[in-house]
Protein backbone atom coordinates (compact mmCIF):
# COMPACT_ATOMS: atom_id res chain seq x y z
CA MET A 1 -107.14 44.68 40.61
CA SER A 2 -108.67 41.21 40.63
CA LYS A 3 -106.87 37.87 40.46
CA GLU A 4 -108.39 34.45 39.82
CA ASP A 5 -107.03 30.91 39.82
CA CYS A 6 -108.36 29.13 36.75
CA VAL A 7 -109.65 25.58 37.27
CA ASP A 8 -112.53 25.63 34.82
CA LEU A 9 -112.79 27.96 31.84
CA LYS A 10 -116.54 28.41 32.05
CA GLN A 11 -116.41 29.25 35.75
CA LEU A 12 -113.54 31.66 35.15
CA ILE A 13 -115.44 33.41 32.37
CA MET A 14 -118.60 33.56 34.48
CA THR A 15 -116.62 35.17 37.31
CA PHE A 16 -115.14 37.69 34.88
CA MET A 17 -118.54 38.50 33.37
CA GLU A 18 -120.11 38.96 36.80
CA MET A 19 -117.49 41.60 37.53
CA HIS A 20 -117.91 43.08 34.06
CA MET A 21 -121.66 43.39 34.58
CA LYS A 22 -121.14 44.88 38.04
CA GLU A 23 -118.57 47.46 36.93
CA TYR A 24 -119.98 48.37 33.50
CA ILE A 25 -123.29 47.02 32.19
CA ASN A 26 -125.40 47.33 35.34
CA PRO A 27 -124.37 50.94 36.13
CA MET A 28 -124.99 51.93 32.52
CA TYR A 29 -128.37 50.19 32.53
CA HIS A 30 -129.45 52.15 35.59
CA TYR A 31 -128.08 55.37 34.15
CA VAL A 32 -130.16 54.89 30.99
CA LYS A 33 -133.17 53.93 33.10
CA ASP A 34 -132.82 57.19 35.02
CA ASN A 35 -132.46 59.10 31.73
CA PRO A 36 -135.18 57.51 29.56
CA GLU A 37 -134.53 59.88 26.66
CA LEU A 38 -131.43 57.75 25.99
CA ILE A 39 -133.32 54.49 25.51
CA LYS A 40 -133.91 55.01 21.79
CA THR A 41 -130.33 56.05 21.05
CA VAL A 42 -128.14 53.92 23.33
CA PRO A 43 -126.63 50.90 21.49
CA GLY A 44 -129.37 48.31 21.88
CA PHE A 45 -127.05 45.35 22.15
CA LEU A 46 -125.44 46.82 25.29
CA MET A 47 -128.80 47.04 27.05
CA SER A 48 -130.50 43.97 25.55
CA PRO A 49 -127.78 41.75 24.08
CA ALA A 50 -128.84 38.68 22.15
CA SER A 51 -125.42 37.15 22.77
CA ILE A 52 -122.13 37.93 24.47
CA SER A 53 -118.96 36.20 23.27
CA VAL A 54 -115.90 36.09 25.49
CA TYR A 55 -112.46 35.38 24.03
CA LEU A 56 -109.62 34.51 26.37
CA GLY A 57 -106.17 35.24 24.96
CA ARG A 58 -102.70 35.54 26.43
CA THR A 59 -102.62 39.35 26.65
CA HIS A 60 -106.29 40.35 26.41
CA ILE A 61 -109.77 39.10 27.08
CA GLY A 62 -112.29 40.12 24.45
CA VAL A 63 -115.98 40.81 25.13
CA GLU A 64 -118.18 41.04 22.04
CA PHE A 65 -121.81 42.17 22.13
CA ASP A 66 -124.36 41.25 19.48
CA GLY A 67 -128.05 42.01 19.16
CA PRO A 68 -130.32 44.86 18.03
CA GLU A 69 -128.63 48.15 17.18
CA PHE A 70 -131.53 50.10 18.67
CA ILE A 71 -134.28 49.37 21.19
CA THR A 72 -137.50 51.11 22.21
CA GLU A 73 -137.66 49.91 25.81
CA LEU A 74 -135.51 48.35 28.51
CA LYS A 75 -136.23 44.68 29.08
CA PRO A 76 -134.47 43.42 32.21
CA GLY A 77 -133.92 39.72 32.66
CA SER A 78 -134.01 38.75 28.97
CA HIS A 79 -132.15 35.60 27.93
CA ILE A 80 -128.56 36.12 26.79
CA GLU A 81 -126.62 33.49 24.89
CA MET A 82 -123.10 33.22 26.29
CA LYS A 83 -120.24 31.94 24.15
CA TYR A 84 -116.72 31.13 25.36
CA PHE A 85 -113.51 30.75 23.37
CA ASP A 86 -110.15 29.85 24.89
CA TYR A 87 -107.03 30.90 22.99
CA SER A 88 -104.91 31.29 26.10
CA ILE A 89 -102.76 28.24 25.35
CA GLU A 90 -102.09 29.31 21.76
CA LYS A 91 -99.44 31.70 20.54
CA CYS A 92 -101.74 33.45 18.11
CA ASN A 93 -103.12 36.79 17.00
CA LEU A 94 -106.21 37.10 19.19
CA VAL A 95 -107.92 39.65 16.92
CA GLU A 96 -107.46 37.39 13.91
CA LYS A 97 -108.90 34.49 15.90
CA ILE A 98 -111.92 36.60 16.84
CA ILE A 99 -112.47 37.64 13.23
CA GLY A 100 -112.30 34.00 12.20
CA PHE A 101 -109.96 33.93 9.22
CA LYS A 102 -106.35 34.70 8.36
CA PHE A 103 -105.34 37.78 6.40
CA ASP A 104 -103.27 37.32 3.27
CA SER A 105 -101.58 40.71 2.97
CA THR A 106 -98.18 40.95 1.33
CA ARG A 107 -97.19 42.97 4.39
CA PRO A 108 -96.16 40.46 7.05
CA ILE A 109 -96.14 42.80 10.07
CA PRO A 110 -99.52 42.89 11.95
CA LEU A 111 -101.48 46.16 11.99
CA PRO A 112 -102.02 47.45 15.56
CA LEU A 113 -105.55 48.72 16.05
CA PRO A 114 -106.00 52.21 17.50
CA GLN A 115 -107.54 52.44 20.94
CA VAL A 116 -110.96 53.02 19.41
CA SER A 117 -111.88 51.91 15.87
CA GLU A 118 -115.22 52.78 14.28
CA ASP A 119 -116.69 51.83 10.90
CA LEU A 120 -113.86 49.65 9.66
CA ILE A 121 -113.98 47.64 6.44
CA PHE A 122 -110.99 45.30 6.28
CA PRO A 123 -111.17 42.65 3.54
CA THR A 124 -108.47 40.12 2.88
CA ASN A 125 -107.06 40.19 -0.64
CA ARG A 126 -109.21 37.14 -1.37
CA GLY A 127 -112.19 39.03 0.01
CA ILE A 128 -111.60 42.17 -2.02
CA ASP A 129 -111.41 40.12 -5.22
CA LYS A 130 -114.74 38.49 -4.41
CA LEU A 131 -116.41 41.78 -3.50
CA ARG A 132 -115.36 43.25 -6.83
CA GLU A 133 -116.63 40.19 -8.64
CA LEU A 134 -119.99 40.54 -6.88
CA LYS A 135 -120.06 44.29 -7.68
CA TRP A 136 -120.35 45.13 -4.01
CA ASN A 137 -120.96 48.87 -3.66
CA PHE A 138 -117.93 50.36 -1.91
CA SER A 139 -119.36 53.89 -2.02
CA ALA A 140 -122.36 52.76 0.03
CA GLN A 141 -120.25 52.40 3.13
CA ASN A 142 -119.28 55.46 5.15
CA SER A 143 -116.25 53.71 6.53
CA ILE A 144 -112.51 53.47 6.91
CA MET A 145 -111.47 50.96 4.26
CA GLY A 146 -108.25 49.05 4.09
CA PHE A 147 -106.75 47.26 1.12
CA ASN A 148 -103.96 44.70 1.35
CA VAL A 149 -104.44 45.04 5.11
CA PRO A 150 -102.08 43.13 7.41
CA SER A 151 -103.60 41.08 10.21
CA PRO A 152 -105.27 43.46 12.70
CA SER A 153 -103.77 43.09 16.16
CA VAL A 154 -104.01 44.59 19.64
CA ILE A 155 -101.21 46.31 21.54
CA GLU A 156 -100.27 44.51 24.74
CA GLY A 157 -101.37 46.34 27.87
CA ARG A 158 -103.80 48.70 26.07
CA PHE A 159 -107.60 48.66 26.26
CA THR A 160 -108.94 48.59 22.71
CA ARG A 161 -112.46 48.93 21.34
CA VAL A 162 -113.84 48.02 17.90
CA ILE A 163 -117.27 49.31 16.82
CA ASN A 164 -119.23 48.48 13.66
CA ALA A 165 -116.45 46.72 11.76
CA PHE A 166 -116.79 44.44 8.72
CA PHE A 167 -114.22 41.88 7.65
CA PHE A 168 -114.40 39.90 4.42
CA ASP A 169 -112.71 36.79 3.12
CA ALA A 170 -113.50 34.25 0.39
CA ASP A 171 -113.04 30.55 -0.21
CA GLU A 172 -114.43 27.91 -2.57
CA SER A 173 -117.93 28.44 -1.14
CA GLY A 174 -117.91 32.17 -1.92
CA LEU A 175 -117.85 35.33 0.16
CA ILE A 176 -117.27 35.13 3.92
CA THR A 177 -118.50 38.05 6.01
CA ARG A 178 -117.75 38.85 9.63
CA GLN A 179 -119.33 41.84 11.36
CA ILE A 180 -118.24 43.00 14.79
CA LYS A 181 -120.78 45.41 16.25
CA TRP A 182 -118.99 46.06 19.55
CA LEU A 183 -115.83 44.44 20.88
CA ASP A 184 -113.85 45.43 23.95
CA LEU A 185 -110.35 44.01 24.33
CA ILE A 186 -109.32 44.24 27.98
CA PRO A 187 -105.66 43.78 28.96
CA ILE A 188 -104.85 40.86 31.23
CA GLU A 189 -101.77 39.45 32.82
CA PHE A 190 -101.76 35.75 32.06
CA ASP A 191 -99.52 33.00 33.36
CA GLY A 192 -100.05 29.62 31.75
CA ASP A 193 -96.67 28.09 32.40
CA ASP A 194 -97.84 25.97 35.32
CA ALA A 195 -98.93 22.55 34.08
CA GLU A 196 -101.78 22.35 36.60
CA VAL A 197 -103.00 25.90 37.19
CA ASP A 198 -103.34 28.95 34.91
CA THR A 199 -103.71 32.37 36.48
CA PHE A 200 -104.66 35.75 35.10
CA SER A 201 -105.48 39.21 36.42
CA PHE A 202 -107.43 42.07 34.90
CA ASP A 203 -108.41 45.65 35.66
CA LEU A 204 -111.89 47.01 34.88
CA SER A 205 -111.44 50.45 36.42
CA MET A 206 -111.44 52.16 32.98
CA TYR A 207 -115.16 51.44 32.66
CA LYS A 208 -115.99 54.02 35.32
CA ASN A 209 -115.10 56.73 32.81
CA LEU A 210 -116.96 55.00 29.95
CA ILE A 211 -120.40 54.44 31.47
CA LYS A 212 -121.90 57.86 30.69
CA HIS A 213 -120.00 58.15 27.42
CA ASP A 214 -121.33 54.82 26.15
CA ALA A 215 -124.86 55.52 27.39
CA HIS A 216 -124.86 58.67 25.23
CA TYR A 217 -123.14 56.98 22.30
CA VAL A 218 -125.24 56.67 19.16
CA TYR A 219 -124.40 53.60 17.11
CA PRO A 220 -123.33 54.53 13.55
CA ALA A 221 -126.42 54.62 11.35
CA PRO A 222 -126.81 56.72 8.18
CA ASP A 223 -129.49 59.37 8.15
CA GLU A 224 -130.34 59.72 4.48
CA PHE A 225 -132.50 57.07 2.80
CA LYS A 226 -129.83 56.26 0.26
CA PHE A 227 -127.16 55.57 2.85
CA ILE A 228 -129.59 53.65 5.03
CA GLN A 229 -130.60 51.30 2.23
CA LEU A 230 -127.37 50.77 0.30
CA PRO A 231 -125.59 48.98 3.15
CA LYS A 232 -128.58 46.63 3.36
CA ILE A 233 -128.03 45.77 -0.28
CA ASN A 234 -124.43 44.98 0.60
CA ARG A 235 -125.67 42.66 3.36
CA PHE A 236 -127.83 40.91 0.75
CA VAL A 237 -124.89 40.55 -1.63
CA GLU A 238 -122.80 39.13 1.20
CA LEU A 239 -125.52 36.55 1.89
CA TRP A 240 -126.06 35.21 -1.60
CA GLY A 241 -122.37 35.58 -2.41
CA ASN A 242 -121.72 32.56 -0.20
CA LYS A 243 -122.57 29.16 -1.70
CA SER A 244 -123.58 27.78 1.68
CA SER A 245 -126.57 30.16 1.79
CA SER A 246 -129.84 28.39 1.05
CA GLU A 247 -132.92 29.59 -0.82
CA VAL A 248 -134.70 29.89 2.53
CA MET A 249 -131.95 32.11 3.93
CA ILE A 250 -132.18 34.35 0.86
CA THR A 251 -135.97 34.68 0.90
CA ASN A 252 -136.03 35.17 4.69
CA PHE A 253 -133.66 38.12 4.29
CA ILE A 254 -135.80 39.71 1.57
CA SER A 255 -139.02 39.16 3.54
CA LYS A 256 -137.85 41.22 6.52
CA GLN A 257 -139.70 44.52 6.65
CA GLU A 258 -136.53 46.60 6.48
CA ASN A 259 -135.37 44.75 3.34
CA LYS A 260 -138.58 44.66 1.30
CA PHE A 261 -137.49 47.84 -0.47
CA ILE A 262 -135.24 45.67 -2.66
CA LEU A 263 -138.23 44.12 -4.41
CA SER A 264 -140.34 47.27 -4.17
CA MET A 265 -137.77 49.36 -6.01
CA LYS A 266 -136.94 46.70 -8.58
CA PHE A 267 -140.54 45.93 -9.51
CA GLY A 268 -142.24 49.26 -8.76
CA ALA A 269 -144.41 47.62 -6.12
CA THR A 270 -146.56 49.34 -3.53
CA ASP A 271 -146.47 46.34 -1.21
CA ILE A 272 -144.68 43.01 -0.79
CA HIS A 273 -146.14 39.79 0.62
CA SER A 274 -144.11 36.64 1.23
CA GLU A 275 -145.18 32.98 1.21
CA LEU A 276 -148.92 33.40 1.36
CA THR A 277 -150.64 30.02 1.50
CA CYS A 278 -153.00 29.45 -1.43
CA HIS A 279 -155.67 26.73 -1.08
CA TRP A 280 -157.33 25.32 -4.19
CA GLN A 281 -161.11 25.87 -4.17
CA SER A 282 -162.37 23.81 -7.12
CA GLU A 283 -160.14 20.73 -6.86
CA GLU A 284 -158.04 18.77 -4.40
CA ARG A 285 -154.44 19.81 -4.98
CA LYS A 286 -151.45 20.56 -2.80
CA VAL A 287 -151.39 24.14 -1.51
CA ILE A 288 -148.94 26.53 -3.16
CA ARG A 289 -146.79 29.22 -1.53
CA PRO A 290 -145.09 31.53 -4.02
CA ASP A 291 -142.02 33.22 -2.59
CA PHE A 292 -143.31 36.77 -3.08
CA PHE A 293 -146.31 38.69 -4.37
CA VAL A 294 -145.35 42.19 -5.54
CA VAL A 295 -148.43 44.39 -5.61
CA GLN A 296 -148.52 46.95 -8.41
CA PRO A 297 -150.12 50.42 -8.16
CA ASN A 298 -153.20 49.08 -10.02
CA GLY A 299 -153.91 46.71 -7.11
CA TYR A 300 -152.91 43.54 -8.97
CA ALA A 301 -149.88 41.50 -7.95
CA ASP A 302 -147.16 39.70 -9.88
CA ILE A 303 -145.13 36.77 -8.55
CA VAL A 304 -141.40 36.60 -7.82
CA GLU A 305 -139.72 33.26 -7.21
CA PHE A 306 -136.14 32.88 -5.96
CA LYS A 307 -133.69 30.11 -6.70
CA LEU A 308 -129.97 29.98 -5.99
CA PRO A 309 -127.43 32.35 -7.60
CA ASP A 310 -124.78 29.68 -7.99
CA ILE A 311 -125.91 26.59 -9.91
CA PRO A 312 -123.11 24.43 -11.34
CA LYS A 313 -125.20 23.28 -14.28
CA SER A 314 -125.81 24.51 -17.79
CA PHE A 315 -128.79 26.81 -18.27
CA VAL A 316 -129.10 26.08 -21.99
CA VAL A 317 -128.66 22.69 -23.68
CA GLY A 318 -128.97 21.37 -27.22
CA SER A 319 -127.17 21.77 -30.51
CA GLU A 320 -127.06 25.00 -32.53
CA ASN A 321 -130.50 26.21 -33.61
CA ARG A 322 -132.07 23.57 -31.34
CA GLU A 323 -131.22 25.08 -27.99
CA THR A 324 -133.60 24.86 -25.07
CA PHE A 325 -133.53 25.48 -21.36
CA SER A 326 -132.09 22.61 -19.35
CA ALA A 327 -134.39 20.21 -17.53
CA TRP A 328 -133.67 21.63 -14.07
CA LEU A 329 -134.47 25.18 -15.22
CA ASN A 330 -137.63 23.99 -16.94
CA SER A 331 -138.70 22.39 -13.64
CA TYR A 332 -138.44 25.81 -11.98
CA ILE A 333 -140.47 27.37 -14.77
CA SER A 334 -143.10 24.63 -14.44
CA GLN A 335 -143.38 25.48 -10.75
CA THR A 336 -144.28 29.07 -11.60
CA ARG A 337 -146.72 27.83 -14.26
CA VAL A 338 -148.72 26.14 -11.48
CA TYR A 339 -149.18 29.59 -9.96
CA VAL A 340 -150.75 30.80 -13.18
CA SER A 341 -153.09 27.79 -13.25
CA TYR A 342 -154.19 28.56 -9.72
CA PHE A 343 -155.15 32.14 -10.52
CA ASP A 344 -156.87 31.17 -13.77
CA ASP A 345 -159.64 29.72 -11.61
CA PRO A 346 -162.10 32.47 -10.59
CA ASN A 347 -162.99 30.58 -7.39
CA ASN A 348 -159.34 30.67 -6.33
CA ARG A 349 -159.06 34.36 -7.21
CA ARG A 350 -162.17 35.22 -5.22
CA TRP A 351 -161.02 33.25 -2.16
CA PHE A 352 -157.52 34.75 -2.35
CA GLU A 353 -158.74 38.36 -2.60
CA GLU A 354 -161.15 37.94 0.31
CA LYS A 355 -158.42 36.43 2.47
CA TYR A 356 -155.44 38.64 1.59
CA GLY A 357 -156.98 41.87 0.31
CA PHE A 358 -155.41 42.22 -3.15
CA LYS A 359 -155.93 40.76 -6.60
CA VAL A 360 -153.91 38.36 -8.72
CA HIS A 361 -154.96 37.62 -12.32
CA LYS A 362 -152.72 36.64 -15.24
CA PRO A 363 -149.67 37.48 -13.10
CA LYS A 364 -146.31 38.14 -14.64
CA ARG A 365 -143.79 35.66 -13.24
CA TYR A 366 -140.25 36.63 -12.35
CA LEU A 367 -137.68 33.92 -11.70
CA VAL A 368 -134.55 35.20 -9.94
CA VAL A 369 -131.75 32.70 -10.54
CA GLY A 370 -128.06 32.52 -11.43
CA ARG A 371 -125.51 35.17 -12.25
CA ARG A 372 -125.23 37.36 -15.31
CA HIS A 373 -122.26 35.42 -16.66
CA ASP A 374 -124.49 32.32 -16.76
CA PHE A 375 -126.57 33.96 -19.51
CA LYS A 376 -123.95 35.41 -21.82
CA ALA A 377 -125.42 34.09 -25.06
CA ASP A 378 -128.36 35.85 -26.69
CA VAL A 379 -129.94 32.48 -27.36
CA TRP A 380 -131.39 32.27 -23.84
CA ARG A 381 -133.40 35.44 -24.50
CA GLU A 382 -134.82 33.86 -27.63
CA ILE A 383 -135.84 30.78 -25.65
CA GLN A 384 -137.33 32.87 -22.86
CA ALA A 385 -139.48 34.73 -25.39
CA ASP A 386 -141.38 31.48 -25.94
CA PHE A 387 -142.64 31.59 -22.36
CA ARG A 388 -145.68 33.79 -21.81
CA ASP A 389 -145.49 36.25 -18.91
CA LEU A 390 -142.16 34.91 -17.68
CA GLU A 391 -138.96 36.85 -17.13
CA ILE A 392 -135.71 35.38 -15.85
CA ILE A 393 -133.68 37.82 -13.76
CA THR A 394 -130.19 37.17 -12.48
CA PHE A 395 -129.09 38.24 -9.01
CA ASP A 396 -126.84 40.81 -10.69
CA ASP A 397 -129.82 42.24 -12.58
CA LEU A 398 -131.83 42.47 -9.37
CA ILE A 399 -129.14 44.32 -7.43
CA ASP A 400 -128.05 46.61 -10.27
CA GLY A 401 -131.66 47.55 -10.98
CA VAL A 402 -132.14 48.72 -7.40
CA LYS A 403 -128.79 50.47 -6.99
CA ALA A 404 -129.23 52.40 -10.23
CA GLN A 405 -132.25 54.20 -8.80
CA PHE A 406 -130.15 55.74 -6.01
CA TYR A 407 -127.91 57.48 -8.54
CA GLN A 408 -130.46 58.96 -10.92
């Protein structure tokens, strides 16, 4: 049993984490090092965490690990971002504080978490409504789901662990997602009544029996292609379902190697290239960087450009029989028209193919923008037909087109 007088939160947390590393992480690291066959299966964030968050409550101290799910080698001495949160002076639900939002269940009594929880999906009622609106694929998740879930809580005096849990909420900006990959809630005895000094004690002896178990633990990951990819689509929906997400955040997600299948499956592409710089060869003009080139089986590529899914403006303006796309949408279309002009020049095409290894000529342009309910009227299809080699795709169309292929 260890007891510390708290003068400074950061110093207290550092002392706790030094003991935590000594009793748990370091012995497990050496165990994995001595059994190298475990390196590729042990939870990567335990061996090479990108960040560790420590939450100090009145009955528990929480330690959350984040980072890569899997690793290929042990890298001692890598930088770890440490985060500290002090809820010890608040009478609050520590688990709810860690999650980051309040639950709105009609059941007022908190829900005690079991000693070990794996693969949880706990949305608030606001969150479940938003997930349904976004057509989030519930069947893609091999999980324990809760609906109208009361606030998750931890039983006083009991060590509790949460692995691979997702929590969802929603506000005026859209969907809010919180993933907890690995969280240990360690019981403490806390005394904060003294106006000058807070004290707490904790016991880490339970980790002695967890070191080998955790070293052999394989983080939940689906084996079949379908169940590997569908959760990634859910992560994409969660991203663009929040209005605070930018175009750059959206395209960065798609450009990651593990997520390129979204465009490959939608557009039948053999390869995906993002933001290739295109220099003009016959004239002085500003370089262009289309969001994505999707290479078709014939070796020629089309172009996909992303804009935001939520745009609080009208897509179509004008009186009946004189409708046209709004000025802001036409500006997006004009941007893609510059891409066509670039590849109309044979000097540009020759330079591009020599540099990047594939061809682009008379590319079809895809503009991914808005939601399906933004284009309810048939009139927008009539307007779009006036644009050569241009197709407007909503985010709903993109996601549904990919998901449908998993169920054929």
